[in-house]
């Protein structure tokens, strides 16, 4: 479903939200149907890495970044916990 941007902007906020939500649901539904049909085809499934060969990523943020994020979100408890 394609909608002209000008027409979309001219709609009231409630109708615009409902329309965009419906378009997104249609998009997700089509994606899952396409993935399901690809998996049914012989040799169509994506190759998966063996469980032991996956990269494990760990992200850590320094105290400076955590405090800065707490300040942006006005989170007094998290900021006080780190100090």
N, C-alpha and C. Protein backbone atom coordinates (compact mmCIF):
# COMPACT_ATOMS: atom_id res chain seq x y z
N UNK A 1 0.85 -1.16 0.00
CA UNK A 1 0.00 0.00 0.00
C UNK A 1 0.90 1.23 0.00
N UNK A 2 0.80 2.05 -1.03
CA UNK A 2 1.57 3.28 -1.16
C UNK A 2 0.63 4.46 -1.01
N UNK A 3 1.03 5.44 -0.23
CA UNK A 3 0.22 6.63 -0.05
C UNK A 3 1.10 7.85 -0.30
N UNK A 4 0.55 8.80 -1.02
CA UNK A 4 1.28 10.03 -1.30
C UNK A 4 1.54 10.79 0.00
N UNK A 5 2.74 11.31 0.15
CA UNK A 5 3.15 11.98 1.39
C UNK A 5 2.26 13.19 1.68
N UNK A 6 1.88 13.94 0.65
CA UNK A 6 1.04 15.13 0.84
C UNK A 6 -0.33 14.74 1.38
N UNK A 7 -0.89 13.64 0.83
CA UNK A 7 -2.19 13.18 1.30
C UNK A 7 -2.09 12.69 2.74
N UNK A 8 -1.01 12.00 3.05
CA UNK A 8 -0.82 11.49 4.40
C UNK A 8 -0.73 12.64 5.40
N UNK A 9 -0.02 13.70 5.06
CA UNK A 9 0.12 14.84 5.96
C UNK A 9 -1.19 15.61 6.11
N UNK A 10 -2.08 15.52 5.13
CA UNK A 10 -3.34 16.26 5.21
C UNK A 10 -4.35 15.56 6.11
N UNK A 11 -4.13 14.28 6.44
CA UNK A 11 -5.07 13.56 7.29
C UNK A 11 -4.93 14.00 8.74
N UNK A 12 -6.01 13.88 9.51
CA UNK A 12 -5.91 14.16 10.95
C UNK A 12 -4.97 13.13 11.61
N UNK A 13 -4.43 13.49 12.76
CA UNK A 13 -3.42 12.67 13.42
C UNK A 13 -3.91 11.26 13.70
N UNK A 14 -5.13 11.09 14.20
CA UNK A 14 -5.66 9.76 14.52
C UNK A 14 -5.75 8.87 13.29
N UNK A 15 -6.28 9.41 12.21
CA UNK A 15 -6.39 8.62 10.98
C UNK A 15 -5.01 8.30 10.41
N UNK A 16 -4.10 9.25 10.51
CA UNK A 16 -2.74 9.03 10.01
C UNK A 16 -2.07 7.89 10.79
N UNK A 17 -2.23 7.88 12.11
CA UNK A 17 -1.63 6.83 12.93
C UNK A 17 -2.22 5.47 12.61
N UNK A 18 -3.55 5.42 12.45
CA UNK A 18 -4.19 4.13 12.12
C UNK A 18 -3.72 3.62 10.76
N UNK A 19 -3.62 4.52 9.80
CA UNK A 19 -3.21 4.13 8.46
C UNK A 19 -1.76 3.64 8.44
N UNK A 20 -0.89 4.36 9.12
CA UNK A 20 0.52 3.96 9.17
C UNK A 20 0.67 2.63 9.91
N UNK A 21 -0.09 2.44 10.98
CA UNK A 21 -0.04 1.18 11.72
C UNK A 21 -0.50 0.01 10.84
N UNK A 22 -1.58 0.24 10.08
CA UNK A 22 -2.09 -0.81 9.20
C UNK A 22 -1.07 -1.13 8.10
N UNK A 23 -0.43 -0.10 7.55
CA UNK A 23 0.58 -0.33 6.52
C UNK A 23 1.75 -1.12 7.09
N UNK A 24 2.16 -0.80 8.30
CA UNK A 24 3.28 -1.52 8.92
C UNK A 24 2.91 -2.98 9.20
N UNK A 25 1.67 -3.22 9.66
CA UNK A 25 1.23 -4.60 9.89
C UNK A 25 1.21 -5.39 8.58
N UNK A 26 0.75 -4.77 7.51
CA UNK A 26 0.77 -5.44 6.20
C UNK A 26 2.19 -5.76 5.76
N UNK A 27 3.10 -4.83 6.02
CA UNK A 27 4.49 -5.02 5.65
C UNK A 27 5.11 -6.18 6.44
N UNK A 28 4.84 -6.26 7.73
CA UNK A 28 5.37 -7.34 8.56
C UNK A 28 4.77 -8.68 8.15
N UNK A 29 3.46 -8.69 7.88
CA UNK A 29 2.79 -9.93 7.46
C UNK A 29 3.40 -10.45 6.15
N UNK A 30 3.62 -9.55 5.19
CA UNK A 30 4.21 -9.95 3.91
C UNK A 30 5.63 -10.48 4.11
N UNK A 31 6.38 -9.87 5.02
CA UNK A 31 7.74 -10.34 5.29
C UNK A 31 7.73 -11.77 5.83
N UNK A 32 6.87 -12.04 6.81
CA UNK A 32 6.84 -13.38 7.39
C UNK A 32 6.33 -14.42 6.39
N UNK A 33 5.39 -14.04 5.55
CA UNK A 33 4.92 -14.97 4.52
C UNK A 33 6.05 -15.28 3.53
N UNK A 34 6.81 -14.27 3.16
CA UNK A 34 7.93 -14.47 2.24
C UNK A 34 9.00 -15.36 2.88
N UNK A 35 9.30 -15.14 4.15
CA UNK A 35 10.28 -15.97 4.85
C UNK A 35 9.81 -17.42 4.95
N UNK A 36 8.51 -17.60 5.23
CA UNK A 36 7.97 -18.95 5.35
C UNK A 36 8.04 -19.68 4.01
N UNK A 37 7.75 -18.98 2.91
CA UNK A 37 7.79 -19.63 1.60
C UNK A 37 9.24 -19.96 1.21
N UNK A 38 10.19 -19.11 1.62
CA UNK A 38 11.59 -19.41 1.33
C UNK A 38 12.07 -20.64 2.10
N UNK A 39 11.59 -20.82 3.31
CA UNK A 39 12.02 -21.97 4.12
C UNK A 39 11.40 -23.26 3.61
N UNK A 40 10.24 -23.18 2.98
CA UNK A 40 9.58 -24.38 2.45
C UNK A 40 10.30 -24.91 1.21
N UNK A 41 10.92 -24.02 0.43
CA UNK A 41 11.59 -24.44 -0.79
C UNK A 41 12.83 -25.25 -0.44
N UNK A 42 13.08 -26.33 -1.19
CA UNK A 42 14.29 -27.10 -0.91
C UNK A 42 15.54 -26.26 -1.20
N UNK A 43 16.40 -26.18 -0.22
CA UNK A 43 17.62 -25.40 -0.37
C UNK A 43 17.38 -23.91 -0.27
N UNK A 44 16.17 -23.51 0.04
CA UNK A 44 15.85 -22.09 0.10
C UNK A 44 16.08 -21.49 1.47
N UNK A 45 16.22 -22.34 2.48
CA UNK A 45 16.43 -21.81 3.82
C UNK A 45 17.82 -21.22 3.93
N UNK A 46 17.95 -20.21 4.73
CA UNK A 46 19.24 -19.58 4.93
C UNK A 46 20.14 -20.50 5.75
N UNK A 47 21.39 -20.59 5.39
CA UNK A 47 22.30 -21.41 6.20
C UNK A 47 22.54 -20.75 7.55
N UNK A 48 22.52 -21.54 8.59
CA UNK A 48 22.74 -21.03 9.93
C UNK A 48 24.08 -21.53 10.44
N UNK A 49 24.73 -20.71 11.20
CA UNK A 49 26.01 -21.11 11.78
C UNK A 49 25.76 -22.11 12.90
N UNK A 50 26.65 -23.07 13.07
CA UNK A 50 26.51 -24.00 14.19
C UNK A 50 26.51 -23.22 15.51
N UNK A 51 25.82 -23.74 16.53
CA UNK A 51 25.68 -22.99 17.78
C UNK A 51 27.00 -22.59 18.43
N UNK A 52 28.04 -23.39 18.27
CA UNK A 52 29.31 -23.07 18.91
C UNK A 52 30.13 -22.03 18.18
N UNK A 53 29.75 -21.67 16.97
CA UNK A 53 30.56 -20.77 16.15
C UNK A 53 29.99 -19.36 16.05
N UNK A 54 29.02 -19.05 16.85
CA UNK A 54 28.45 -17.70 16.80
C UNK A 54 29.31 -16.75 17.62
N UNK A 55 29.38 -15.52 17.15
CA UNK A 55 30.12 -14.51 17.89
C UNK A 55 29.25 -14.01 19.03
N UNK A 56 29.84 -13.89 20.17
CA UNK A 56 29.11 -13.35 21.32
C UNK A 56 29.61 -11.93 21.55
N UNK A 57 28.68 -10.99 21.45
CA UNK A 57 29.04 -9.59 21.60
C UNK A 57 28.60 -9.12 22.98
N UNK A 58 29.45 -8.37 23.61
CA UNK A 58 29.11 -7.78 24.89
C UNK A 58 29.44 -6.30 24.80
N UNK A 59 28.45 -5.49 25.07
CA UNK A 59 28.63 -4.05 25.00
C UNK A 59 28.65 -3.51 26.42
N UNK A 60 29.64 -2.70 26.71
CA UNK A 60 29.74 -2.08 28.03
C UNK A 60 29.92 -0.58 27.84
N UNK A 61 29.23 0.18 28.67
CA UNK A 61 29.35 1.62 28.63
C UNK A 61 30.08 2.08 29.87
N UNK A 62 30.92 3.07 29.70
CA UNK A 62 31.66 3.62 30.82
C UNK A 62 30.77 4.46 31.70
N UNK A 63 31.25 4.75 32.92
CA UNK A 63 30.44 5.53 33.86
C UNK A 63 30.09 6.91 33.32
N UNK A 64 30.99 7.50 32.54
CA UNK A 64 30.71 8.82 31.96
C UNK A 64 29.48 8.76 31.05
N UNK A 65 29.41 7.73 30.21
CA UNK A 65 28.28 7.59 29.29
C UNK A 65 26.98 7.32 30.06
N UNK A 66 27.06 6.52 31.10
CA UNK A 66 25.86 6.19 31.88
C UNK A 66 25.34 7.42 32.60
N UNK A 67 26.24 8.20 33.18
CA UNK A 67 25.83 9.42 33.88
C UNK A 67 25.24 10.43 32.88
N UNK A 68 25.85 10.56 31.72
CA UNK A 68 25.33 11.48 30.72
C UNK A 68 23.93 11.06 30.27
N UNK A 69 23.71 9.77 30.08
CA UNK A 69 22.39 9.28 29.70
C UNK A 69 21.38 9.53 30.81
N UNK A 70 21.79 9.33 32.07
CA UNK A 70 20.89 9.58 33.20
C UNK A 70 20.52 11.06 33.28
N UNK A 71 21.47 11.94 32.97
CA UNK A 71 21.18 13.38 32.99
C UNK A 71 20.17 13.72 31.90
N UNK A 72 20.33 13.15 30.73
CA UNK A 72 19.41 13.43 29.63
C UNK A 72 18.00 12.97 29.98
N UNK A 73 17.90 11.80 30.64
CA UNK A 73 16.58 11.25 30.99
C UNK A 73 16.07 11.76 32.33
N UNK A 74 16.83 12.66 32.99
CA UNK A 74 16.45 13.18 34.31
C UNK A 74 16.23 12.05 35.32
N UNK A 75 17.11 11.06 35.29
CA UNK A 75 17.00 9.91 36.17
C UNK A 75 17.93 10.12 37.36
N UNK A 76 17.40 10.66 38.45
CA UNK A 76 18.21 10.98 39.62
C UNK A 76 18.76 9.72 40.29
N UNK A 77 17.95 8.66 40.33
CA UNK A 77 18.36 7.45 41.04
C UNK A 77 19.57 6.81 40.39
N UNK A 78 19.58 6.71 39.07
CA UNK A 78 20.70 6.08 38.38
C UNK A 78 21.95 6.94 38.50
N UNK A 79 21.80 8.24 38.40
CA UNK A 79 22.94 9.12 38.53
C UNK A 79 23.55 9.06 39.92
N UNK A 80 22.70 9.01 40.95
CA UNK A 80 23.19 8.94 42.33
C UNK A 80 23.82 7.59 42.62
N UNK A 81 23.33 6.54 41.97
CA UNK A 81 23.87 5.19 42.20
C UNK A 81 25.31 5.10 41.71
N UNK A 82 25.64 5.81 40.65
CA UNK A 82 26.97 5.72 40.08
C UNK A 82 27.99 6.61 40.76
N UNK A 83 27.53 7.62 41.44
CA UNK A 83 28.47 8.59 42.05
C UNK A 83 29.00 8.07 43.35
